Amino acid sequence: MVNSHFLKKIMVIGEQQMLRSMEDYLNFARENSSSLITIFTYPENNITDICELIEKNEKDADDLTMHIKRNITSGAVGATLMENFLSLTEIFDDVIDKTYWVAREMKRTKNSLLTNSFHEEPLAAFYDNFVKILTINMEATEKVRVLLESSSVEEVKAAREKIEELEESVDEIKDGTIDRLYRISESISFLMFNHVNSIAHVLDDLLDNYEDISDLVLNTMLSVSK
């Protein structure tokens, strides 16, 4: 008769393998964040090729989502944790979708009157803040990688705490950006206001997603380690 400890060990290995299969999302996220930093740093340049790369990553992430979901629902993880893993997959996919949304917004901007304001205040200062947020996001991406690769609950907890700190830092940058946007709202166009406001909230949501991922991974590890 197979003992329960052996069965539990097999289950834990299965969950860990499924978590590690999600690392491709992080590769897409890191590449897209780096690409967006380039766009915000040099918005006057031709960004067509960069946007196409981000779009390709978004489509590849959709394919990855379908593949992982099939594995999850086919018994790759225990029934009690299936909902956790499906939620993780959706959140990861949403991270890539958000970076793609920002790329599309910047591509639209290239064909608008904002093109003439790329290197003028206040737009350049707002873009500088977006670069800061994306740089922090890339750091958080690597902390999420630790979550997916680690088999130590303590290590996962430490990475989760760091992600929370990074999320708070991004909140401060986002709030400062929105506060300044409202202070100058009477002197800028509605197009610029909406452009900056929308991007600020979407980029902030990336860190919120990572925080949600860290909670789900920790809960999953605690469940399989009992």
C-alpha atoms as a PDB file:
ATOM      1  CA  MET A   1       0.000   0.000   0.000  1.00  0.00           C
ATOM      2  CA  VAL A   2       1.360   3.456  -0.966  1.00  0.00           C
ATOM      3  CA  ASN A   3       1.827   5.589   2.136  1.00  0.00           C
ATOM      4  CA  SER A   4       0.276   9.046   2.435  1.00  0.00           C
ATOM      5  CA  HIS A   5       3.647  10.796   2.784  1.00  0.00           C
ATOM      6  CA  PHE A   6       4.698   9.551  -0.655  1.00  0.00           C
ATOM      7  CA  LEU A   7       1.444  10.706  -2.235  1.00  0.00           C
ATOM      8  CA  LYS A   8       1.819  14.116  -0.625  1.00  0.00           C
ATOM      9  CA  LYS A   9       5.362  14.415  -1.964  1.00  0.00           C
ATOM     10  CA  ILE A  10       4.172  13.639  -5.495  1.00  0.00           C
ATOM     11  CA  MET A  11       1.455  16.267  -5.160  1.00  0.00           C
ATOM     12  CA  VAL A  12       3.911  18.902  -3.968  1.00  0.00           C
ATOM     13  CA  ILE A  13       6.218  18.186  -6.912  1.00  0.00           C
ATOM     14  CA  GLY A  14       3.280  18.513  -9.308  1.00  0.00           C
ATOM     15  CA  GLU A  15       2.275  21.900  -7.916  1.00  0.00           C
ATOM     16  CA  GLN A  16       5.851  23.181  -8.065  1.00  0.00           C
ATOM     17  CA  GLN A  17       6.259  22.055 -11.661  1.00  0.00           C
ATOM     18  CA  MET A  18       3.061  23.839 -12.608  1.00  0.00           C
ATOM     19  CA  LEU A  19       4.261  27.034 -10.916  1.00  0.00           C
ATOM     20  CA  ARG A  20       7.555  26.884 -12.780  1.00  0.00           C
ATOM     21  CA  SER A  21       5.741  26.421 -16.072  1.00  0.00           C
ATOM     22  CA  MET A  22       4.410  29.961 -15.556  1.00  0.00           C
ATOM     23  CA  GLU A  23       7.881  31.501 -15.712  1.00  0.00           C
ATOM     24  CA  ASP A  24       7.430  32.196 -19.420  1.00  0.00           C
ATOM     25  CA  TYR A  25       4.942  34.898 -18.405  1.00  0.00           C
ATOM     26  CA  LEU A  26       7.754  36.614 -16.519  1.00  0.00           C
ATOM     27  CA  ASN A  27       9.980  36.537 -19.587  1.00  0.00           C
ATOM     28  CA  PHE A  28       7.224  38.242 -21.590  1.00  0.00           C
ATOM     29  CA  ALA A  29       6.586  40.731 -18.788  1.00  0.00           C
ATOM     30  CA  ARG A  30      10.240  41.652 -18.406  1.00  0.00           C
ATOM     31  CA  GLU A  31      10.748  42.099 -22.143  1.00  0.00           C
ATOM     32  CA  ASN A  32       7.582  44.175 -22.475  1.00  0.00           C
ATOM     33  CA  SER A  33       8.485  46.384 -19.507  1.00  0.00           C
ATOM     34  CA  SER A  34      11.949  46.973 -20.943  1.00  0.00           C
ATOM     35  CA  SER A  35      10.406  47.811 -24.311  1.00  0.00           C
ATOM     36  CA  LEU A  36       7.983  50.281 -22.717  1.00  0.00           C
ATOM     37  CA  ILE A  37      10.882  51.962 -20.921  1.00  0.00           C
ATOM     38  CA  THR A  38      12.503  52.496 -24.315  1.00  0.00           C
ATOM     39  CA  ILE A  39       9.260  53.950 -25.696  1.00  0.00           C
ATOM     40  CA  PHE A  40       8.832  56.389 -22.805  1.00  0.00           C
ATOM     41  CA  THR A  41      12.496  57.390 -22.896  1.00  0.00           C
ATOM     42  CA  TYR A  42      12.521  58.042 -26.658  1.00  0.00           C
ATOM     43  CA  PRO A  43       8.855  58.597 -27.562  1.00  0.00           C
ATOM     44  CA  GLU A  44       9.752  60.617 -30.654  1.00  0.00           C
ATOM     45  CA  ASN A  45      11.426  57.596 -32.274  1.00  0.00           C
ATOM     46  CA  ASN A  46       9.679  55.155 -34.562  1.00  0.00           C
ATOM     47  CA  ILE A  47       8.121  52.689 -32.111  1.00  0.00           C
ATOM     48  CA  THR A  48       6.434  50.403 -34.630  1.00  0.00           C
ATOM     49  CA  ASP A  49       8.898  47.521 -34.255  1.00  0.00           C
ATOM     50  CA  ILE A  50       8.810  47.721 -30.454  1.00  0.00           C
ATOM     51  CA  CYS A  51       5.012  47.699 -30.404  1.00  0.00           C
ATOM     52  CA  GLU A  52       4.979  44.694 -32.727  1.00  0.00           C
ATOM     53  CA  LEU A  53       7.276  42.808 -30.352  1.00  0.00           C
ATOM     54  CA  ILE A  54       4.994  43.599 -27.420  1.00  0.00           C
ATOM     55  CA  GLU A  55       1.979  42.487 -29.461  1.00  0.00           C
ATOM     56  CA  LYS A  56       3.710  39.208 -30.342  1.00  0.00           C
ATOM     57  CA  ASN A  57       4.431  38.576 -26.664  1.00  0.00           C
ATOM     58  CA  GLU A  58       0.786  39.240 -25.846  1.00  0.00           C
ATOM     59  CA  LYS A  59      -0.349  36.674 -28.406  1.00  0.00           C
ATOM     60  CA  ASP A  60       2.235  34.151 -27.198  1.00  0.00           C
ATOM     61  CA  ALA A  61       1.028  34.722 -23.637  1.00  0.00           C
ATOM     62  CA  ASP A  62      -2.534  33.963 -24.752  1.00  0.00           C
ATOM     63  CA  ASP A  63      -1.318  30.674 -26.249  1.00  0.00           C
ATOM     64  CA  LEU A  64       0.558  29.891 -23.041  1.00  0.00           C
ATOM     65  CA  THR A  65      -2.585  30.588 -21.023  1.00  0.00           C
ATOM     66  CA  MET A  66      -4.602  28.122 -23.094  1.00  0.00           C
ATOM     67  CA  HIS A  67      -1.876  25.474 -22.735  1.00  0.00           C
ATOM     68  CA  ILE A  68      -1.529  25.878 -18.965  1.00  0.00           C
ATOM     69  CA  LYS A  69      -5.282  25.898 -18.416  1.00  0.00           C
ATOM     70  CA  ARG A  70      -5.597  22.634 -20.337  1.00  0.00           C
ATOM     71  CA  ASN A  71      -2.937  21.087 -18.106  1.00  0.00           C
ATOM     72  CA  ILE A  72      -4.601  22.371 -14.952  1.00  0.00           C
ATOM     73  CA  THR A  73      -8.049  21.077 -15.863  1.00  0.00           C
ATOM     74  CA  SER A  74      -6.590  17.765 -17.067  1.00  0.00           C
ATOM     75  CA  GLY A  75      -5.371  16.842 -13.608  1.00  0.00           C
ATOM     76  CA  ALA A  76      -1.893  18.389 -13.417  1.00  0.00           C
ATOM     77  CA  VAL A  77      -2.807  19.822 -10.009  1.00  0.00           C
ATOM     78  CA  GLY A  78      -5.043  18.659  -7.206  1.00  0.00           C
ATOM     79  CA  ALA A  79      -8.732  19.483  -7.400  1.00  0.00           C
ATOM     80  CA  THR A  80      -8.600  21.560  -4.225  1.00  0.00           C
ATOM     81  CA  LEU A  81      -5.981  23.883  -5.748  1.00  0.00           C
ATOM     82  CA  MET A  82      -7.365  24.050  -9.281  1.00  0.00           C
ATOM     83  CA  GLU A  83      -9.105  27.381  -8.683  1.00  0.00           C
ATOM     84  CA  ASN A  84      -5.871  28.890  -7.298  1.00  0.00           C
ATOM     85  CA  PHE A  85      -3.908  27.897 -10.373  1.00  0.00           C
ATOM     86  CA  LEU A  86      -6.568  29.055 -12.811  1.00  0.00           C
ATOM     87  CA  SER A  87      -6.627  32.420 -11.029  1.00  0.00           C
ATOM     88  CA  LEU A  88      -2.832  32.640 -11.218  1.00  0.00           C
ATOM     89  CA  THR A  89      -2.955  32.003 -14.942  1.00  0.00           C
ATOM     90  CA  GLU A  90      -5.567  34.707 -15.479  1.00  0.00           C
ATOM     91  CA  ILE A  91      -3.596  37.277 -13.474  1.00  0.00           C
ATOM     92  CA  PHE A  92      -0.354  36.525 -15.282  1.00  0.00           C
ATOM     93  CA  ASP A  93      -2.110  36.868 -18.621  1.00  0.00           C
ATOM     94  CA  ASP A  94      -3.609  40.165 -17.459  1.00  0.00           C
ATOM     95  CA  VAL A  95      -0.115  41.516 -16.704  1.00  0.00           C
ATOM     96  CA  ILE A  96       0.884  40.955 -20.331  1.00  0.00           C
ATOM     97  CA  ASP A  97      -2.415  42.394 -21.574  1.00  0.00           C
ATOM     98  CA  LYS A  98      -1.787  45.581 -19.589  1.00  0.00           C
ATOM     99  CA  THR A  99       1.663  46.108 -21.073  1.00  0.00           C
ATOM    100  CA  TYR A 100       0.157  45.603 -24.517  1.00  0.00           C
ATOM    101  CA  TRP A 101      -2.541  48.185 -23.733  1.00  0.00           C
ATOM    102  CA  VAL A 102       0.121  50.757 -22.830  1.00  0.00           C
ATOM    103  CA  ALA A 103       2.004  50.036 -26.070  1.00  0.00           C
ATOM    104  CA  ARG A 104      -1.162  50.545 -28.101  1.00  0.00           C
ATOM    105  CA  GLU A 105      -1.874  53.803 -26.264  1.00  0.00           C
ATOM    106  CA  MET A 106       1.613  55.090 -27.096  1.00  0.00           C
ATOM    107  CA  LYS A 107       1.204  54.013 -30.704  1.00  0.00           C
ATOM    108  CA  ARG A 108      -2.053  55.992 -30.920  1.00  0.00           C
ATOM    109  CA  THR A 109      -0.282  58.964 -29.396  1.00  0.00           C
ATOM    110  CA  LYS A 110       2.196  58.967 -32.273  1.00  0.00           C
ATOM    111  CA  ASN A 111      -0.671  59.913 -34.551  1.00  0.00           C
ATOM    112  CA  SER A 112      -2.022  62.693 -32.349  1.00  0.00           C
ATOM    113  CA  LEU A 113      -1.141  66.269 -31.466  1.00  0.00           C
ATOM    114  CA  LEU A 114       0.695  64.987 -28.378  1.00  0.00           C
ATOM    115  CA  THR A 115       3.589  64.070 -30.666  1.00  0.00           C
ATOM    116  CA  ASN A 116       4.702  67.717 -30.570  1.00  0.00           C
ATOM    117  CA  SER A 117       4.839  67.668 -26.760  1.00  0.00           C
ATOM    118  CA  PHE A 118       7.042  64.612 -26.159  1.00  0.00           C
ATOM    119  CA  HIS A 119       9.996  66.648 -24.891  1.00  0.00           C
ATOM    120  CA  GLU A 120       8.072  69.473 -23.290  1.00  0.00           C
ATOM    121  CA  GLU A 121       6.890  69.875 -19.741  1.00  0.00           C
ATOM    122  CA  PRO A 122       4.741  68.411 -18.351  1.00  0.00           C
ATOM    123  CA  LEU A 123       4.565  65.316 -20.580  1.00  0.00           C
ATOM    124  CA  ALA A 124       8.271  64.498 -20.379  1.00  0.00           C
ATOM    125  CA  ALA A 125       8.145  64.593 -16.559  1.00  0.00           C
ATOM    126  CA  PHE A 126       5.178  62.233 -16.524  1.00  0.00           C
ATOM    127  CA  TYR A 127       7.001  59.831 -18.820  1.00  0.00           C
ATOM    128  CA  ASP A 128       9.990  59.933 -16.462  1.00  0.00           C
ATOM    129  CA  ASN A 129       7.667  58.733 -13.689  1.00  0.00           C
ATOM    130  CA  PHE A 130       6.390  55.937 -15.899  1.00  0.00           C
ATOM    131  CA  VAL A 131       9.976  54.801 -16.457  1.00  0.00           C
ATOM    132  CA  LYS A 132      10.472  54.749 -12.676  1.00  0.00           C
ATOM    133  CA  ILE A 133       7.344  52.615 -12.226  1.00  0.00           C
ATOM    134  CA  LEU A 134       8.400  50.177 -14.953  1.00  0.00           C
ATOM    135  CA  THR A 135      11.886  49.873 -13.471  1.00  0.00           C
ATOM    136  CA  ILE A 136      10.340  48.934 -10.127  1.00  0.00           C
ATOM    137  CA  ASN A 137       8.007  46.581 -11.947  1.00  0.00           C
ATOM    138  CA  MET A 138      10.996  44.766 -13.458  1.00  0.00           C
ATOM    139  CA  GLU A 139      12.438  44.316  -9.979  1.00  0.00           C
ATOM    140  CA  ALA A 140       9.095  42.923  -8.819  1.00  0.00           C
ATOM    141  CA  THR A 141       9.085  40.557 -11.803  1.00  0.00           C
ATOM    142  CA  GLU A 142      12.279  38.946 -10.523  1.00  0.00           C
ATOM    143  CA  LYS A 143      10.784  38.599  -7.047  1.00  0.00           C
ATOM    144  CA  VAL A 144       7.823  36.790  -8.581  1.00  0.00           C
ATOM    145  CA  ARG A 145      10.327  34.486 -10.278  1.00  0.00           C
ATOM    146  CA  VAL A 146      11.659  33.629  -6.817  1.00  0.00           C
ATOM    147  CA  LEU A 147       8.099  32.761  -5.772  1.00  0.00           C
ATOM    148  CA  LEU A 148       7.696  30.356  -8.666  1.00  0.00           C
ATOM    149  CA  GLU A 149      11.073  28.664  -8.273  1.00  0.00           C
ATOM    150  CA  SER A 150      11.289  28.355  -4.501  1.00  0.00           C
ATOM    151  CA  SER A 151      10.277  25.340  -2.450  1.00  0.00           C
ATOM    152  CA  SER A 152      10.834  27.232   0.803  1.00  0.00           C
ATOM    153  CA  VAL A 153       7.822  28.866   2.449  1.00  0.00           C
ATOM    154  CA  GLU A 154      10.100  31.311   4.272  1.00  0.00           C
ATOM    155  CA  GLU A 155      11.751  32.373   1.021  1.00  0.00           C
ATOM    156  CA  VAL A 156       8.341  32.871  -0.570  1.00  0.00           C
ATOM    157  CA  LYS A 157       7.200  34.983   2.386  1.00  0.00           C
ATOM    158  CA  ALA A 158      10.305  37.170   2.103  1.00  0.00           C
ATOM    159  CA  ALA A 159       9.757  37.692  -1.635  1.00  0.00           C
ATOM    160  CA  ARG A 160       6.107  38.493  -1.002  1.00  0.00           C
ATOM    161  CA  GLU A 161       7.044  41.143   1.566  1.00  0.00           C
ATOM    162  CA  LYS A 162       9.451  42.728  -0.900  1.00  0.00           C
ATOM    163  CA  ILE A 163       6.739  42.823  -3.575  1.00  0.00           C
ATOM    164  CA  GLU A 164       4.468  44.613  -1.105  1.00  0.00           C
ATOM    165  CA  GLU A 165       7.192  47.198  -0.475  1.00  0.00           C
ATOM    166  CA  LEU A 166       7.667  47.719  -4.194  1.00  0.00           C
ATOM    167  CA  GLU A 167       3.909  48.072  -4.670  1.00  0.00           C
ATOM    168  CA  GLU A 168       3.838  50.799  -2.014  1.00  0.00           C
ATOM    169  CA  SER A 169       6.681  52.628  -3.773  1.00  0.00           C
ATOM    170  CA  VAL A 170       4.771  52.537  -7.049  1.00  0.00           C
ATOM    171  CA  ASP A 171       1.628  53.783  -5.278  1.00  0.00           C
ATOM    172  CA  GLU A 172       3.561  56.842  -4.113  1.00  0.00           C
ATOM    173  CA  ILE A 173       4.850  57.580  -7.619  1.00  0.00           C
ATOM    174  CA  LYS A 174       1.395  57.068  -9.117  1.00  0.00           C
ATOM    175  CA  ASP A 175      -0.294  59.277  -6.509  1.00  0.00           C
ATOM    176  CA  GLY A 176       2.295  62.009  -7.044  1.00  0.00           C
ATOM    177  CA  THR A 177       1.735  61.783 -10.789  1.00  0.00           C
ATOM    178  CA  ILE A 178      -2.042  62.050 -10.479  1.00  0.00           C
ATOM    179  CA  ASP A 179      -1.823  64.903  -7.944  1.00  0.00           C
ATOM    180  CA  ARG A 180       0.405  66.900 -10.297  1.00  0.00           C
ATOM    181  CA  LEU A 181      -1.845  66.069 -13.228  1.00  0.00           C
ATOM    182  CA  TYR A 182      -4.845  67.558 -11.456  1.00  0.00           C
ATOM    183  CA  ARG A 183      -2.899  70.652 -10.400  1.00  0.00           C
ATOM    184  CA  ILE A 184      -2.100  71.511 -14.024  1.00  0.00           C
ATOM    185  CA  SER A 185      -5.328  70.176 -15.524  1.00  0.00           C
ATOM    186  CA  GLU A 186      -6.576  73.632 -16.548  1.00  0.00           C
ATOM    187  CA  SER A 187      -3.469  74.307 -18.612  1.00  0.00           C
ATOM    188  CA  ILE A 188      -3.386  71.057 -20.606  1.00  0.00           C
ATOM    189  CA  SER A 189      -5.702  69.418 -23.108  1.00  0.00           C
ATOM    190  CA  PHE A 190      -8.207  66.733 -22.167  1.00  0.00           C
ATOM    191  CA  LEU A 191      -6.307  64.401 -24.486  1.00  0.00           C
ATOM    192  CA  MET A 192      -3.100  64.809 -22.479  1.00  0.00           C
ATOM    193  CA  PHE A 193      -4.959  64.515 -19.164  1.00  0.00           C
ATOM    194  CA  ASN A 194      -6.680  61.290 -20.185  1.00  0.00           C
ATOM    195  CA  HIS A 195      -3.484  59.886 -21.708  1.00  0.00           C
ATOM    196  CA  VAL A 196      -1.408  60.367 -18.558  1.00  0.00           C
ATOM    197  CA  ASN A 197      -4.177  59.422 -16.128  1.00  0.00           C
ATOM    198  CA  SER A 198      -4.980  56.163 -17.936  1.00  0.00           C
ATOM    199  CA  ILE A 199      -1.380  55.010 -18.249  1.00  0.00           C
ATOM    200  CA  ALA A 200      -0.610  55.853 -14.609  1.00  0.00           C
ATOM    201  CA  HIS A 201      -3.440  53.645 -13.380  1.00  0.00           C
ATOM    202  CA  VAL A 202      -2.651  50.756 -15.717  1.00  0.00           C
ATOM    203  CA  LEU A 203       1.029  50.710 -14.745  1.00  0.00           C
ATOM    204  CA  ASP A 204       0.090  50.836 -11.071  1.00  0.00           C
ATOM    205  CA  ASP A 205      -2.181  47.839 -11.621  1.00  0.00           C
ATOM    206  CA  LEU A 206       0.826  45.764 -12.708  1.00  0.00           C
ATOM    207  CA  LEU A 207       2.198  45.815  -9.175  1.00  0.00           C
ATOM    208  CA  ASP A 208      -1.252  45.095  -7.758  1.00  0.00           C
ATOM    209  CA  ASN A 209      -1.333  42.011  -9.989  1.00  0.00           C
ATOM    210  CA  TYR A 210       2.049  40.881  -8.702  1.00  0.00           C
ATOM    211  CA  GLU A 211       0.863  41.329  -5.149  1.00  0.00           C
ATOM    212  CA  ASP A 212      -2.179  39.160  -5.900  1.00  0.00           C
ATOM    213  CA  ILE A 213       0.098  36.544  -7.479  1.00  0.00           C
ATOM    214  CA  SER A 214       2.328  36.481  -4.408  1.00  0.00           C
ATOM    215  CA  ASP A 215      -0.699  35.911  -2.154  1.00  0.00           C
ATOM    216  CA  LEU A 216      -1.938  33.041  -4.310  1.00  0.00           C
ATOM    217  CA  VAL A 217       1.475  31.378  -4.500  1.00  0.00           C
ATOM    218  CA  LEU A 218       1.960  31.613  -0.744  1.00  0.00           C
ATOM    219  CA  ASN A 219      -1.510  30.212  -0.077  1.00  0.00           C
ATOM    220  CA  THR A 220      -0.807  27.380  -2.492  1.00  0.00           C
ATOM    221  CA  MET A 221       2.497  26.501  -0.836  1.00  0.00           C
ATOM    222  CA  LEU A 222       0.951  26.612   2.615  1.00  0.00           C
ATOM    223  CA  SER A 223      -1.822  24.297   1.410  1.00  0.00           C
ATOM    224  CA  VAL A 224       0.501  21.638   0.001  1.00  0.00           C
ATOM    225  CA  SER A 225       2.954  21.821   2.900  1.00  0.00           C
ATOM    226  CA  LYS A 226       0.395  21.000   5.620  1.00  0.00           C
END
